[in-house]
Amino acid sequence: MLDKFIIEFDKALKVSLPHNLKNERQNPSKHIDEPTLSDSQRKHSEALMRINHTGEVMAQAMYQGQALTAKSKENKTLMQHAAIEEIDHLTWCKERLDELNGSTSIFNPLWYALSFSMGALAGKISDEVSLGFVAAVEDQVCIHLEEHLDSLPANDNKSSCIVKQMLIDEEGHSKMALDAGGKVFTTNTKKAMTGFSKAMTFLSYRI
């Protein structure tokens, strides 16, 4: 148990300090020129990308928690594979925040702890619930990303490019989870998750 705690604590530190992480795929916005943004546009893009970064911190925590308590080796492997793709998203968002002279949310350690706990609990209950939790969370993420694509400044092609690729990947994670036997969550459960999501976006947009 002590070894597991040390390993998970190390993972949490690496996610909290993104410069320690390396993405496998190149940032899709790498070859797009930096747009000319007004101060208000830049601040809005920065805030949206901070939300997306926090969402990826939470995704890392969720997948790590679920992998830790997964009932089957197959489900653990699925969670670990999804977590690797989320590292790409995490580093892309951090790179874009740096380009916008923005900062990550100070609440990220809190969101990591909460998401890790929920992921571990879902995995402890059953693989079916754990996979269903992934699908439900990713569906929420896709809604946010679609809203961000509509809200980002029209000429901020760099941020939009990153968000578009994230959306494709998140939709794939949701489908993967359901195809693997994930439980379809009830409408009331999804509403409760929406409330939690709104609290995160409200705080991360500002701080």
N, C-alpha and C. Protein backbone atom coordinates (compact mmCIF):
# COMPACT_ATOMS: atom_id res chain seq x y z
N MET A 1 0.83 -1.22 0.00
CA MET A 1 0.00 0.00 0.00
C MET A 1 0.86 1.26 0.00
N LEU A 2 1.97 1.21 0.74
CA LEU A 2 2.86 2.37 0.79
C LEU A 2 3.46 2.65 -0.58
N ASP A 3 3.86 1.58 -1.27
CA ASP A 3 4.41 1.74 -2.62
C ASP A 3 3.38 2.37 -3.55
N LYS A 4 2.14 1.90 -3.47
CA LYS A 4 1.07 2.43 -4.32
C LYS A 4 0.83 3.91 -4.03
N PHE A 5 0.87 4.27 -2.73
CA PHE A 5 0.65 5.67 -2.34
C PHE A 5 1.76 6.55 -2.92
N ILE A 6 3.01 6.08 -2.83
CA ILE A 6 4.14 6.87 -3.34
C ILE A 6 4.02 7.06 -4.84
N ILE A 7 3.64 5.98 -5.55
CA ILE A 7 3.50 6.05 -7.01
C ILE A 7 2.40 7.04 -7.40
N GLU A 8 1.26 6.97 -6.73
CA GLU A 8 0.14 7.86 -7.04
C GLU A 8 0.47 9.30 -6.67
N PHE A 9 1.19 9.51 -5.57
CA PHE A 9 1.59 10.86 -5.18
C PHE A 9 2.54 11.44 -6.22
N ASP A 10 3.44 10.62 -6.74
CA ASP A 10 4.36 11.06 -7.79
C ASP A 10 3.59 11.47 -9.05
N LYS A 11 2.58 10.69 -9.42
CA LYS A 11 1.76 11.01 -10.58
C LYS A 11 1.03 12.34 -10.37
N ALA A 12 0.52 12.54 -9.16
CA ALA A 12 -0.20 13.78 -8.86
C ALA A 12 0.73 14.99 -8.99
N LEU A 13 1.97 14.86 -8.52
CA LEU A 13 2.94 15.95 -8.63
C LEU A 13 3.25 16.27 -10.08
N LYS A 14 3.40 15.22 -10.90
CA LYS A 14 3.72 15.43 -12.30
C LYS A 14 2.59 16.15 -13.03
N VAL A 15 1.35 15.82 -12.68
CA VAL A 15 0.21 16.48 -13.31
C VAL A 15 0.10 17.92 -12.83
N SER A 16 0.41 18.16 -11.56
CA SER A 16 0.35 19.51 -11.01
C SER A 16 1.47 20.39 -11.55
N LEU A 17 2.56 19.75 -11.99
CA LEU A 17 3.70 20.47 -12.57
C LEU A 17 3.89 19.97 -14.00
N PRO A 18 3.07 20.47 -14.94
CA PRO A 18 3.00 19.93 -16.30
C PRO A 18 4.31 19.91 -17.07
N HIS A 19 5.28 20.73 -16.67
CA HIS A 19 6.55 20.74 -17.39
C HIS A 19 7.29 19.41 -17.22
N ASN A 20 6.86 18.60 -16.24
CA ASN A 20 7.48 17.30 -16.04
C ASN A 20 6.87 16.24 -16.96
N LEU A 21 5.82 16.59 -17.70
CA LEU A 21 5.14 15.64 -18.57
C LEU A 21 5.55 15.85 -20.02
N LYS A 22 5.56 14.78 -20.77
CA LYS A 22 5.89 14.85 -22.19
C LYS A 22 4.74 14.28 -23.01
N ASN A 23 4.29 15.05 -23.99
CA ASN A 23 3.22 14.58 -24.84
C ASN A 23 3.77 13.66 -25.92
N GLU A 24 2.96 12.67 -26.32
CA GLU A 24 3.36 11.75 -27.37
C GLU A 24 3.09 12.33 -28.75
N ARG A 25 1.99 13.08 -28.87
CA ARG A 25 1.63 13.68 -30.15
C ARG A 25 1.98 15.16 -30.16
N GLN A 26 2.39 15.62 -31.32
CA GLN A 26 2.73 17.04 -31.45
C GLN A 26 1.50 17.91 -31.26
N ASN A 27 1.71 19.06 -30.65
CA ASN A 27 0.64 20.04 -30.48
C ASN A 27 0.07 20.40 -31.86
N PRO A 28 -1.23 20.18 -32.09
CA PRO A 28 -1.81 20.43 -33.42
C PRO A 28 -1.77 21.89 -33.85
N SER A 29 -1.55 22.80 -32.90
CA SER A 29 -1.52 24.23 -33.25
C SER A 29 -0.11 24.75 -33.47
N LYS A 30 0.86 23.84 -33.43
CA LYS A 30 2.27 24.24 -33.48
C LYS A 30 2.61 25.13 -34.67
N HIS A 31 2.05 24.84 -35.83
CA HIS A 31 2.43 25.57 -37.05
C HIS A 31 1.41 26.65 -37.43
N ILE A 32 0.52 26.99 -36.49
CA ILE A 32 -0.44 28.06 -36.74
C ILE A 32 0.09 29.36 -36.14
N ASP A 33 0.04 30.41 -36.90
CA ASP A 33 0.54 31.70 -36.44
C ASP A 33 -0.30 32.23 -35.28
N GLU A 34 0.38 32.93 -34.39
CA GLU A 34 -0.31 33.55 -33.25
C GLU A 34 -1.21 34.67 -33.74
N PRO A 35 -2.50 34.65 -33.37
CA PRO A 35 -3.42 35.69 -33.83
C PRO A 35 -3.23 37.00 -33.06
N THR A 36 -3.72 38.06 -33.65
CA THR A 36 -3.74 39.35 -32.97
C THR A 36 -5.04 39.46 -32.19
N LEU A 37 -4.92 39.47 -30.86
CA LEU A 37 -6.10 39.50 -29.99
C LEU A 37 -6.10 40.77 -29.15
N SER A 38 -7.29 41.30 -28.93
CA SER A 38 -7.42 42.42 -28.00
C SER A 38 -7.22 41.89 -26.59
N ASP A 39 -7.05 42.79 -25.62
CA ASP A 39 -6.86 42.35 -24.23
C ASP A 39 -8.03 41.51 -23.75
N SER A 40 -9.24 41.92 -24.07
CA SER A 40 -10.42 41.18 -23.61
C SER A 40 -10.51 39.81 -24.29
N GLN A 41 -10.15 39.75 -25.57
CA GLN A 41 -10.16 38.48 -26.28
C GLN A 41 -9.10 37.53 -25.72
N ARG A 42 -7.93 38.07 -25.46
CA ARG A 42 -6.85 37.24 -24.91
C ARG A 42 -7.24 36.68 -23.56
N LYS A 43 -7.82 37.52 -22.71
CA LYS A 43 -8.22 37.08 -21.37
C LYS A 43 -9.31 36.01 -21.45
N HIS A 44 -10.21 36.15 -22.40
CA HIS A 44 -11.28 35.17 -22.55
C HIS A 44 -10.71 33.83 -23.05
N SER A 45 -9.83 33.89 -24.04
CA SER A 45 -9.19 32.66 -24.53
C SER A 45 -8.39 32.00 -23.42
N GLU A 46 -7.67 32.81 -22.68
CA GLU A 46 -6.87 32.29 -21.56
C GLU A 46 -7.76 31.57 -20.55
N ALA A 47 -8.89 32.21 -20.20
CA ALA A 47 -9.79 31.62 -19.20
C ALA A 47 -10.37 30.30 -19.69
N LEU A 48 -10.75 30.24 -20.95
CA LEU A 48 -11.31 28.99 -21.50
C LEU A 48 -10.26 27.89 -21.54
N MET A 49 -9.04 28.23 -21.91
CA MET A 49 -7.99 27.22 -21.94
C MET A 49 -7.58 26.80 -20.53
N ARG A 50 -7.75 27.68 -19.55
CA ARG A 50 -7.49 27.29 -18.17
C ARG A 50 -8.53 26.26 -17.72
N ILE A 51 -9.79 26.48 -18.10
CA ILE A 51 -10.84 25.50 -17.80
C ILE A 51 -10.49 24.15 -18.42
N ASN A 52 -10.07 24.18 -19.69
CA ASN A 52 -9.72 22.94 -20.38
C ASN A 52 -8.54 22.25 -19.72
N HIS A 53 -7.56 23.04 -19.28
CA HIS A 53 -6.42 22.47 -18.58
C HIS A 53 -6.85 21.79 -17.29
N THR A 54 -7.70 22.47 -16.53
CA THR A 54 -8.20 21.88 -15.28
C THR A 54 -8.99 20.61 -15.56
N GLY A 55 -9.77 20.62 -16.63
CA GLY A 55 -10.51 19.42 -17.01
C GLY A 55 -9.59 18.25 -17.28
N GLU A 56 -8.43 18.52 -17.87
CA GLU A 56 -7.47 17.46 -18.16
C GLU A 56 -6.76 16.98 -16.89
N VAL A 57 -6.55 17.88 -15.94
CA VAL A 57 -6.01 17.48 -14.64
C VAL A 57 -6.99 16.51 -13.98
N MET A 58 -8.26 16.85 -14.05
CA MET A 58 -9.29 15.99 -13.46
C MET A 58 -9.38 14.65 -14.19
N ALA A 59 -9.23 14.69 -15.51
CA ALA A 59 -9.28 13.45 -16.29
C ALA A 59 -8.13 12.52 -15.89
N GLN A 60 -6.92 13.10 -15.75
CA GLN A 60 -5.78 12.29 -15.30
C GLN A 60 -6.07 11.63 -13.97
N ALA A 61 -6.59 12.42 -13.04
CA ALA A 61 -6.89 11.90 -11.71
C ALA A 61 -7.94 10.80 -11.77
N MET A 62 -8.99 11.03 -12.55
CA MET A 62 -10.07 10.05 -12.66
C MET A 62 -9.55 8.72 -13.20
N TYR A 63 -8.80 8.79 -14.29
CA TYR A 63 -8.29 7.56 -14.91
C TYR A 63 -7.29 6.84 -14.00
N GLN A 64 -6.45 7.59 -13.30
CA GLN A 64 -5.49 6.97 -12.39
C GLN A 64 -6.21 6.29 -11.23
N GLY A 65 -7.24 6.95 -10.71
CA GLY A 65 -8.02 6.35 -9.63
C GLY A 65 -8.72 5.08 -10.07
N GLN A 66 -9.28 5.12 -11.28
CA GLN A 66 -9.99 3.95 -11.80
C GLN A 66 -9.03 2.81 -12.11
N ALA A 67 -7.86 3.13 -12.66
CA ALA A 67 -6.88 2.09 -12.95
C ALA A 67 -6.40 1.41 -11.67
N LEU A 68 -6.32 2.19 -10.60
CA LEU A 68 -5.85 1.65 -9.32
C LEU A 68 -6.81 0.60 -8.76
N THR A 69 -8.12 0.82 -8.93
CA THR A 69 -9.12 -0.08 -8.33
C THR A 69 -9.85 -0.95 -9.35
N ALA A 70 -9.39 -0.94 -10.61
CA ALA A 70 -10.06 -1.72 -11.66
C ALA A 70 -10.12 -3.20 -11.28
N LYS A 71 -11.25 -3.82 -11.58
CA LYS A 71 -11.44 -5.23 -11.25
C LYS A 71 -10.69 -6.14 -12.22
N SER A 72 -10.65 -5.75 -13.48
CA SER A 72 -10.02 -6.60 -14.49
C SER A 72 -8.77 -5.94 -15.07
N LYS A 73 -7.87 -6.77 -15.57
CA LYS A 73 -6.66 -6.27 -16.20
C LYS A 73 -7.00 -5.49 -17.46
N GLU A 74 -8.03 -5.95 -18.20
CA GLU A 74 -8.45 -5.28 -19.44
C GLU A 74 -8.91 -3.85 -19.17
N ASN A 75 -9.70 -3.68 -18.11
CA ASN A 75 -10.21 -2.35 -17.79
C ASN A 75 -9.08 -1.44 -17.32
N LYS A 76 -8.16 -1.99 -16.56
CA LYS A 76 -7.01 -1.20 -16.11
C LYS A 76 -6.20 -0.70 -17.31
N THR A 77 -6.02 -1.58 -18.30
CA THR A 77 -5.27 -1.21 -19.51
C THR A 77 -5.98 -0.11 -20.28
N LEU A 78 -7.32 -0.21 -20.39
CA LEU A 78 -8.11 0.82 -21.07
C LEU A 78 -7.92 2.18 -20.40
N MET A 79 -7.98 2.19 -19.06
CA MET A 79 -7.85 3.43 -18.31
C MET A 79 -6.46 4.04 -18.49
N GLN A 80 -5.46 3.20 -18.47
CA GLN A 80 -4.09 3.69 -18.62
C GLN A 80 -3.85 4.25 -20.02
N HIS A 81 -4.44 3.62 -21.03
CA HIS A 81 -4.29 4.11 -22.41
C HIS A 81 -4.97 5.48 -22.56
N ALA A 82 -6.18 5.61 -22.00
CA ALA A 82 -6.89 6.89 -22.08
C ALA A 82 -6.11 7.98 -21.35
N ALA A 83 -5.49 7.63 -20.23
CA ALA A 83 -4.73 8.61 -19.46
C ALA A 83 -3.55 9.14 -20.27
N ILE A 84 -2.93 8.29 -21.07
CA ILE A 84 -1.80 8.71 -21.91
C ILE A 84 -2.25 9.76 -22.92
N GLU A 85 -3.42 9.54 -23.55
CA GLU A 85 -3.93 10.52 -24.50
C GLU A 85 -4.27 11.84 -23.80
N GLU A 86 -4.76 11.74 -22.56
CA GLU A 86 -5.10 12.95 -21.82
C GLU A 86 -3.86 13.77 -21.47
N ILE A 87 -2.70 13.10 -21.36
CA ILE A 87 -1.45 13.84 -21.11
C ILE A 87 -1.16 14.78 -22.27
N ASP A 88 -1.44 14.31 -23.50
CA ASP A 88 -1.28 15.18 -24.66
C ASP A 88 -2.12 16.44 -24.49
N HIS A 89 -3.38 16.25 -24.13
CA HIS A 89 -4.29 17.38 -23.95
C HIS A 89 -3.77 18.33 -22.87
N LEU A 90 -3.30 17.74 -21.78
CA LEU A 90 -2.81 18.53 -20.65
C LEU A 90 -1.64 19.43 -21.07
N THR A 91 -0.69 18.86 -21.79
CA THR A 91 0.48 19.65 -22.20
C THR A 91 0.11 20.67 -23.27
N TRP A 92 -0.79 20.30 -24.19
CA TRP A 92 -1.22 21.26 -25.21
C TRP A 92 -1.87 22.48 -24.57
N CYS A 93 -2.76 22.23 -23.60
CA CYS A 93 -3.45 23.35 -22.94
C CYS A 93 -2.46 24.23 -22.18
N LYS A 94 -1.48 23.60 -21.52
CA LYS A 94 -0.48 24.37 -20.78
C LYS A 94 0.37 25.20 -21.74
N GLU A 95 0.74 24.64 -22.87
CA GLU A 95 1.51 25.39 -23.86
C GLU A 95 0.72 26.59 -24.37
N ARG A 96 -0.56 26.39 -24.61
CA ARG A 96 -1.39 27.50 -25.10
C ARG A 96 -1.56 28.56 -24.02
N LEU A 97 -1.71 28.15 -22.78
CA LEU A 97 -1.80 29.11 -21.68
C LEU A 97 -0.52 29.95 -21.60
N ASP A 98 0.61 29.31 -21.77
CA ASP A 98 1.88 30.04 -21.74
C ASP A 98 1.93 31.06 -22.87
N GLU A 99 1.47 30.67 -24.05
CA GLU A 99 1.47 31.58 -25.19
C GLU A 99 0.55 32.78 -24.95
N LEU A 100 -0.51 32.57 -24.17
CA LEU A 100 -1.46 33.63 -23.87
C LEU A 100 -1.08 34.40 -22.60
N ASN A 101 0.10 34.07 -22.05
CA ASN A 101 0.57 34.67 -20.80
C ASN A 101 -0.41 34.40 -19.65
N GLY A 102 -1.00 33.21 -19.68
CA GLY A 102 -1.97 32.84 -18.66
C GLY A 102 -1.38 31.89 -17.63
N SER A 103 -2.18 31.55 -16.65
CA SER A 103 -1.74 30.66 -15.58
C SER A 103 -2.76 29.54 -15.39
N THR A 104 -2.32 28.46 -14.80
CA THR A 104 -3.23 27.35 -14.48
C THR A 104 -4.01 27.70 -13.21
N SER A 105 -5.07 26.96 -12.95
CA SER A 105 -5.92 27.24 -11.79
C SER A 105 -5.24 26.83 -10.49
N ILE A 106 -5.36 27.69 -9.48
CA ILE A 106 -4.77 27.37 -8.18
C ILE A 106 -5.52 26.24 -7.48
N PHE A 107 -6.72 25.92 -7.99
CA PHE A 107 -7.53 24.88 -7.37
C PHE A 107 -7.25 23.48 -7.95
N ASN A 108 -6.29 23.38 -8.86
CA ASN A 108 -6.03 22.09 -9.50
C ASN A 108 -5.74 20.94 -8.53
N PRO A 109 -4.96 21.17 -7.46
CA PRO A 109 -4.74 20.07 -6.51
C PRO A 109 -6.05 19.57 -5.88
N LEU A 110 -6.96 20.49 -5.60
CA LEU A 110 -8.26 20.10 -5.04
C LEU A 110 -9.05 19.27 -6.04
N TRP A 111 -9.11 19.74 -7.30
CA TRP A 111 -9.86 19.00 -8.32
C TRP A 111 -9.24 17.64 -8.57
N TYR A 112 -7.91 17.57 -8.49
CA TYR A 112 -7.23 16.28 -8.69
C TYR A 112 -7.66 15.30 -7.59
N ALA A 113 -7.62 15.76 -6.35
CA ALA A 113 -7.96 14.88 -5.23
C ALA A 113 -9.41 14.39 -5.32
N LEU A 114 -10.32 15.30 -5.63
CA LEU A 114 -11.73 14.92 -5.73
C LEU A 114 -11.96 13.94 -6.88
N SER A 115 -11.35 14.21 -8.02
CA SER A 115 -11.55 13.35 -9.19
C SER A 115 -10.92 11.97 -8.99
N PHE A 116 -9.75 11.95 -8.36
CA PHE A 116 -9.09 10.67 -8.08
C PHE A 116 -9.97 9.83 -7.16
N SER A 117 -10.54 10.47 -6.14
CA SER A 117 -11.39 9.74 -5.19
C SER A 117 -12.63 9.18 -5.88
N MET A 118 -13.26 9.99 -6.74
CA MET A 118 -14.46 9.52 -7.44
C MET A 118 -14.13 8.40 -8.42
N GLY A 119 -12.99 8.53 -9.11
CA GLY A 119 -12.58 7.49 -10.03
C GLY A 119 -12.29 6.19 -9.31
N ALA A 120 -11.58 6.29 -8.19
CA ALA A 120 -11.26 5.09 -7.43
C ALA A 120 -12.52 4.43 -6.88
N LEU A 121 -13.47 5.24 -6.44
CA LEU A 121 -14.73 4.69 -5.93
C LEU A 121 -15.51 3.99 -7.02
N ALA A 122 -15.58 4.61 -8.21
CA ALA A 122 -16.29 3.99 -9.33
C ALA A 122 -15.65 2.67 -9.71
N GLY A 123 -14.31 2.63 -9.73
CA GLY A 123 -13.61 1.40 -10.05
C GLY A 123 -13.81 0.33 -9.00
N LYS A 124 -13.94 0.76 -7.75
CA LYS A 124 -14.14 -0.19 -6.64
C LYS A 124 -15.51 -0.85 -6.73
N ILE A 125 -16.50 -0.11 -7.21
CA ILE A 125 -17.86 -0.67 -7.29
C ILE A 125 -17.91 -1.78 -8.33
N SER A 126 -17.52 -1.47 -9.56
CA SER A 126 -17.49 -2.48 -10.62
C SER A 126 -16.90 -1.88 -11.88
N ASP A 127 -16.41 -2.72 -12.77
CA ASP A 127 -15.88 -2.23 -14.04
C ASP A 127 -16.99 -1.59 -14.87
N GLU A 128 -18.21 -2.13 -14.77
CA GLU A 128 -19.34 -1.59 -15.54
C GLU A 128 -19.63 -0.16 -15.12
N VAL A 129 -19.65 0.10 -13.81
CA VAL A 129 -19.88 1.44 -13.30
C VAL A 129 -18.71 2.35 -13.65
N SER A 130 -17.49 1.84 -13.52
CA SER A 130 -16.30 2.62 -13.82
C SER A 130 -16.29 3.09 -15.27
N LEU A 131 -16.59 2.19 -16.19
CA LEU A 131 -16.63 2.54 -17.61
C LEU A 131 -17.79 3.49 -17.91
N GLY A 132 -18.92 3.27 -17.24
CA GLY A 132 -20.05 4.18 -17.41
C GLY A 132 -19.73 5.57 -16.92
N PHE A 133 -18.96 5.65 -15.84
CA PHE A 133 -18.53 6.94 -15.30
C PHE A 133 -17.67 7.68 -16.31
N VAL A 134 -16.76 6.94 -16.96
CA VAL A 134 -15.92 7.53 -18.00
C VAL A 134 -16.78 8.12 -19.11
N ALA A 135 -17.74 7.33 -19.60
CA ALA A 135 -18.60 7.77 -20.70
C ALA A 135 -19.37 9.03 -20.32
N ALA A 136 -19.93 9.03 -19.10
CA ALA A 136 -20.73 10.18 -18.65
C ALA A 136 -19.87 11.43 -18.50
N VAL A 137 -18.68 11.26 -17.93
CA VAL A 137 -17.77 12.41 -17.76
C VAL A 137 -17.32 12.95 -19.10
N GLU A 138 -16.95 12.05 -20.01
CA GLU A 138 -16.48 12.50 -21.32
C GLU A 138 -17.60 13.19 -22.10
N ASP A 139 -18.83 12.75 -21.91
CA ASP A 139 -19.96 13.44 -22.56
C ASP A 139 -20.07 14.87 -22.05
N GLN A 140 -19.85 15.07 -20.74
CA GLN A 140 -19.87 16.41 -20.17
C GLN A 140 -18.74 17.26 -20.74
N VAL A 141 -17.57 16.64 -20.87
CA VAL A 141 -16.41 17.35 -21.41
C VAL A 141 -16.68 17.80 -22.85
N CYS A 142 -17.29 16.91 -23.63
CA CYS A 142 -17.58 17.24 -25.03
C CYS A 142 -18.53 18.44 -25.14
N ILE A 143 -19.49 18.51 -24.24
CA ILE A 143 -20.42 19.64 -24.23
C ILE A 143 -19.65 20.94 -23.98
N HIS A 144 -18.74 20.90 -22.99
CA HIS A 144 -17.94 22.10 -22.69
C HIS A 144 -17.06 22.49 -23.87
N LEU A 145 -16.44 21.51 -24.50
CA LEU A 145 -15.55 21.82 -25.62
C LEU A 145 -16.31 22.42 -26.79
N GLU A 146 -17.50 21.91 -27.05
CA GLU A 146 -18.32 22.46 -28.13
C GLU A 146 -18.71 23.91 -27.82
N GLU A 147 -19.03 24.17 -26.55
CA GLU A 147 -19.36 25.53 -26.14
C GLU A 147 -18.15 26.45 -26.29
N HIS A 148 -16.97 25.94 -25.97
CA HIS A 148 -15.76 26.74 -26.08
C HIS A 148 -15.44 27.08 -27.53
N LEU A 149 -15.68 26.13 -28.42
CA LEU A 149 -15.45 26.39 -29.85
C LEU A 149 -16.33 27.54 -30.35
N ASP A 150 -17.54 27.61 -29.81
CA ASP A 150 -18.46 28.70 -30.19
C ASP A 150 -18.08 30.01 -29.53
N SER A 151 -17.43 29.93 -28.36
CA SER A 151 -17.16 31.12 -27.56
C SER A 151 -15.78 31.74 -27.82
N LEU A 152 -14.83 30.94 -28.27
CA LEU A 152 -13.48 31.46 -28.51
C LEU A 152 -13.52 32.57 -29.56
N PRO A 153 -12.63 33.56 -29.46
CA PRO A 153 -12.56 34.59 -30.50
C PRO A 153 -12.42 33.95 -31.87
N ALA A 154 -13.11 34.50 -32.85
CA ALA A 154 -13.16 33.90 -34.19
C ALA A 154 -11.78 33.73 -34.81
N ASN A 155 -10.84 34.60 -34.47
CA ASN A 155 -9.52 34.53 -35.10
C ASN A 155 -8.48 33.78 -34.26
N ASP A 156 -8.92 33.22 -33.12
CA ASP A 156 -7.99 32.46 -32.28
C ASP A 156 -7.93 31.01 -32.78
N ASN A 157 -7.32 30.85 -33.94
CA ASN A 157 -7.25 29.53 -34.56
C ASN A 157 -6.36 28.55 -33.80
N LYS A 158 -5.39 29.07 -33.08
CA LYS A 158 -4.51 28.19 -32.31
C LYS A 158 -5.28 27.46 -31.21
N SER A 159 -6.05 28.21 -30.43
CA SER A 159 -6.84 27.59 -29.36
C SER A 159 -7.91 26.66 -29.94
N SER A 160 -8.56 27.11 -31.00
CA SER A 160 -9.63 26.31 -31.62
C SER A 160 -9.09 24.98 -32.15
N CYS A 161 -7.89 25.01 -32.73
CA CYS A 161 -7.29 23.80 -33.27
C CYS A 161 -7.07 22.76 -32.17
N ILE A 162 -6.59 23.21 -31.03
CA ILE A 162 -6.36 22.31 -29.90
C ILE A 162 -7.69 21.75 -29.40
N VAL A 163 -8.67 22.61 -29.22
CA VAL A 163 -9.97 22.19 -28.70
C VAL A 163 -10.64 21.18 -29.64
N LYS A 164 -10.52 21.40 -30.93
CA LYS A 164 -11.13 20.49 -31.91
C LYS A 164 -10.54 19.08 -31.81
N GLN A 165 -9.22 19.00 -31.66
CA GLN A 165 -8.60 17.68 -31.53
C GLN A 165 -8.97 17.02 -30.21
N MET A 166 -9.05 17.82 -29.16
CA MET A 166 -9.47 17.30 -27.87
C MET A 166 -10.87 16.73 -27.96
N LEU A 167 -11.76 17.43 -28.66
CA LEU A 167 -13.14 16.98 -28.81
C LEU A 167 -13.19 15.62 -29.51
N ILE A 168 -12.40 15.46 -30.55
CA ILE A 168 -12.36 14.18 -31.27
C ILE A 168 -11.92 13.06 -30.33
N ASP A 169 -10.89 13.32 -29.55
CA ASP A 169 -10.35 12.30 -28.64
C ASP A 169 -11.34 11.95 -27.53
N GLU A 170 -12.00 12.97 -26.96
CA GLU A 170 -12.93 12.74 -25.86
C GLU A 170 -14.15 11.95 -26.33
N GLU A 171 -14.62 12.24 -27.53
CA GLU A 171 -15.73 11.46 -28.09
C GLU A 171 -15.31 10.00 -28.25
N GLY A 172 -14.06 9.80 -28.63
CA GLY A 172 -13.54 8.44 -28.76
C GLY A 172 -13.47 7.72 -27.43
N HIS A 173 -13.10 8.43 -26.37
CA HIS A 173 -13.03 7.82 -25.04
C HIS A 173 -14.42 7.40 -24.56
N SER A 174 -15.41 8.24 -24.81
CA SER A 174 -16.78 7.92 -24.41
C SER A 174 -17.27 6.67 -25.12
N LYS A 175 -17.04 6.61 -26.41
CA LYS A 175 -17.46 5.44 -27.20
C LYS A 175 -16.72 4.18 -26.74
N MET A 176 -15.43 4.34 -26.48
CA MET A 176 -14.63 3.21 -26.01
C MET A 176 -15.20 2.61 -24.73
N ALA A 177 -15.57 3.51 -23.81
CA ALA A 177 -16.08 3.06 -22.51
C ALA A 177 -17.42 2.32 -22.66
N LEU A 178 -18.31 2.84 -23.49
CA LEU A 178 -19.60 2.18 -23.69
C LEU A 178 -19.43 0.87 -24.44
N ASP A 179 -18.56 0.85 -25.44
CA ASP A 179 -18.32 -0.38 -26.21
C ASP A 179 -17.72 -1.47 -25.34
N ALA A 180 -16.99 -1.06 -24.29
CA ALA A 180 -16.35 -2.02 -23.39
C ALA A 180 -17.32 -2.53 -22.32
N GLY A 181 -18.57 -2.07 -22.37
CA GLY A 181 -19.58 -2.55 -21.42
C GLY A 181 -19.95 -1.58 -20.33
N GLY A 182 -19.68 -0.31 -20.54
CA GLY A 182 -20.00 0.69 -19.54
C GLY A 182 -21.49 0.85 -19.30
N LYS A 183 -21.85 1.10 -18.06
CA LYS A 183 -23.24 1.32 -17.67
C LYS A 183 -23.69 2.70 -18.12
N VAL A 184 -24.88 2.79 -18.70
CA VAL A 184 -25.43 4.09 -19.09
C VAL A 184 -26.05 4.74 -17.85
N PHE A 185 -25.54 5.89 -17.45
CA PHE A 185 -26.01 6.55 -16.24
C PHE A 185 -27.38 7.18 -16.45
N THR A 186 -28.12 7.31 -15.35
CA THR A 186 -29.46 7.90 -15.40
C THR A 186 -29.36 9.41 -15.60
N THR A 187 -30.46 10.01 -16.01
CA THR A 187 -30.51 11.46 -16.23
C THR A 187 -30.21 12.22 -14.94
N ASN A 188 -30.75 11.75 -13.80
CA ASN A 188 -30.52 12.42 -12.53
C ASN A 188 -29.04 12.39 -12.13
N THR A 189 -28.38 11.28 -12.40
CA THR A 189 -26.96 11.17 -12.08
C THR A 189 -26.16 12.14 -12.94
N LYS A 190 -26.53 12.23 -14.20
CA LYS A 190 -25.84 13.15 -15.11
C LYS A 190 -26.06 14.60 -14.70
N LYS A 191 -27.26 14.91 -14.18
CA LYS A 191 -27.54 16.27 -13.72
C LYS A 191 -26.65 16.64 -12.53
N ALA A 192 -26.44 15.67 -11.63
CA ALA A 192 -25.57 15.91 -10.48
C ALA A 192 -24.14 16.16 -10.95
N MET A 193 -23.71 15.42 -11.96
CA MET A 193 -22.37 15.60 -12.51
C MET A 193 -22.24 16.96 -13.18
N THR A 194 -23.33 17.41 -13.80
CA THR A 194 -23.33 18.72 -14.44
C THR A 194 -23.13 19.83 -13.41
N GLY A 195 -23.76 19.69 -12.25
CA GLY A 195 -23.59 20.68 -11.19
C GLY A 195 -22.15 20.76 -10.72
N PHE A 196 -21.51 19.62 -10.57
CA PHE A 196 -20.10 19.57 -10.18
C PHE A 196 -19.24 20.22 -11.25
N SER A 197 -19.56 19.94 -12.50
CA SER A 197 -18.81 20.49 -13.63
C SER A 197 -18.93 22.01 -13.68
N LYS A 198 -20.12 22.52 -13.43
CA LYS A 198 -20.33 23.97 -13.46
C LYS A 198 -19.53 24.67 -12.38
N ALA A 199 -19.39 24.04 -11.21
CA ALA A 199 -18.60 24.63 -10.13
C ALA A 199 -17.13 24.74 -10.55
N MET A 200 -16.65 23.69 -11.21
CA MET A 200 -15.26 23.71 -11.69
C MET A 200 -15.05 24.81 -12.72
N THR A 201 -15.93 24.90 -13.70
CA THR A 201 -15.76 25.89 -14.77
C THR A 201 -15.87 27.31 -14.23
N PHE A 202 -16.77 27.53 -13.27
CA PHE A 202 -16.94 28.86 -12.68
C PHE A 202 -15.65 29.32 -12.01
N LEU A 203 -15.04 28.44 -11.21
CA LEU A 203 -13.84 28.81 -10.48
C LEU A 203 -12.62 28.90 -11.41
N SER A 204 -12.50 27.92 -12.30
CA SER A 204 -11.32 27.88 -13.18
C SER A 204 -11.30 29.02 -14.19
N TYR A 205 -12.46 29.49 -14.58
CA TYR A 205 -12.51 30.63 -15.51
C TYR A 205 -11.87 31.87 -14.88
N ARG A 206 -12.00 31.97 -13.57
CA ARG A 206 -11.57 33.18 -12.87
C ARG A 206 -10.20 33.05 -12.21
N ILE A 207 -9.92 31.86 -11.66
CA ILE A 207 -8.69 31.71 -10.88
C ILE A 207 -7.95 30.44 -11.31
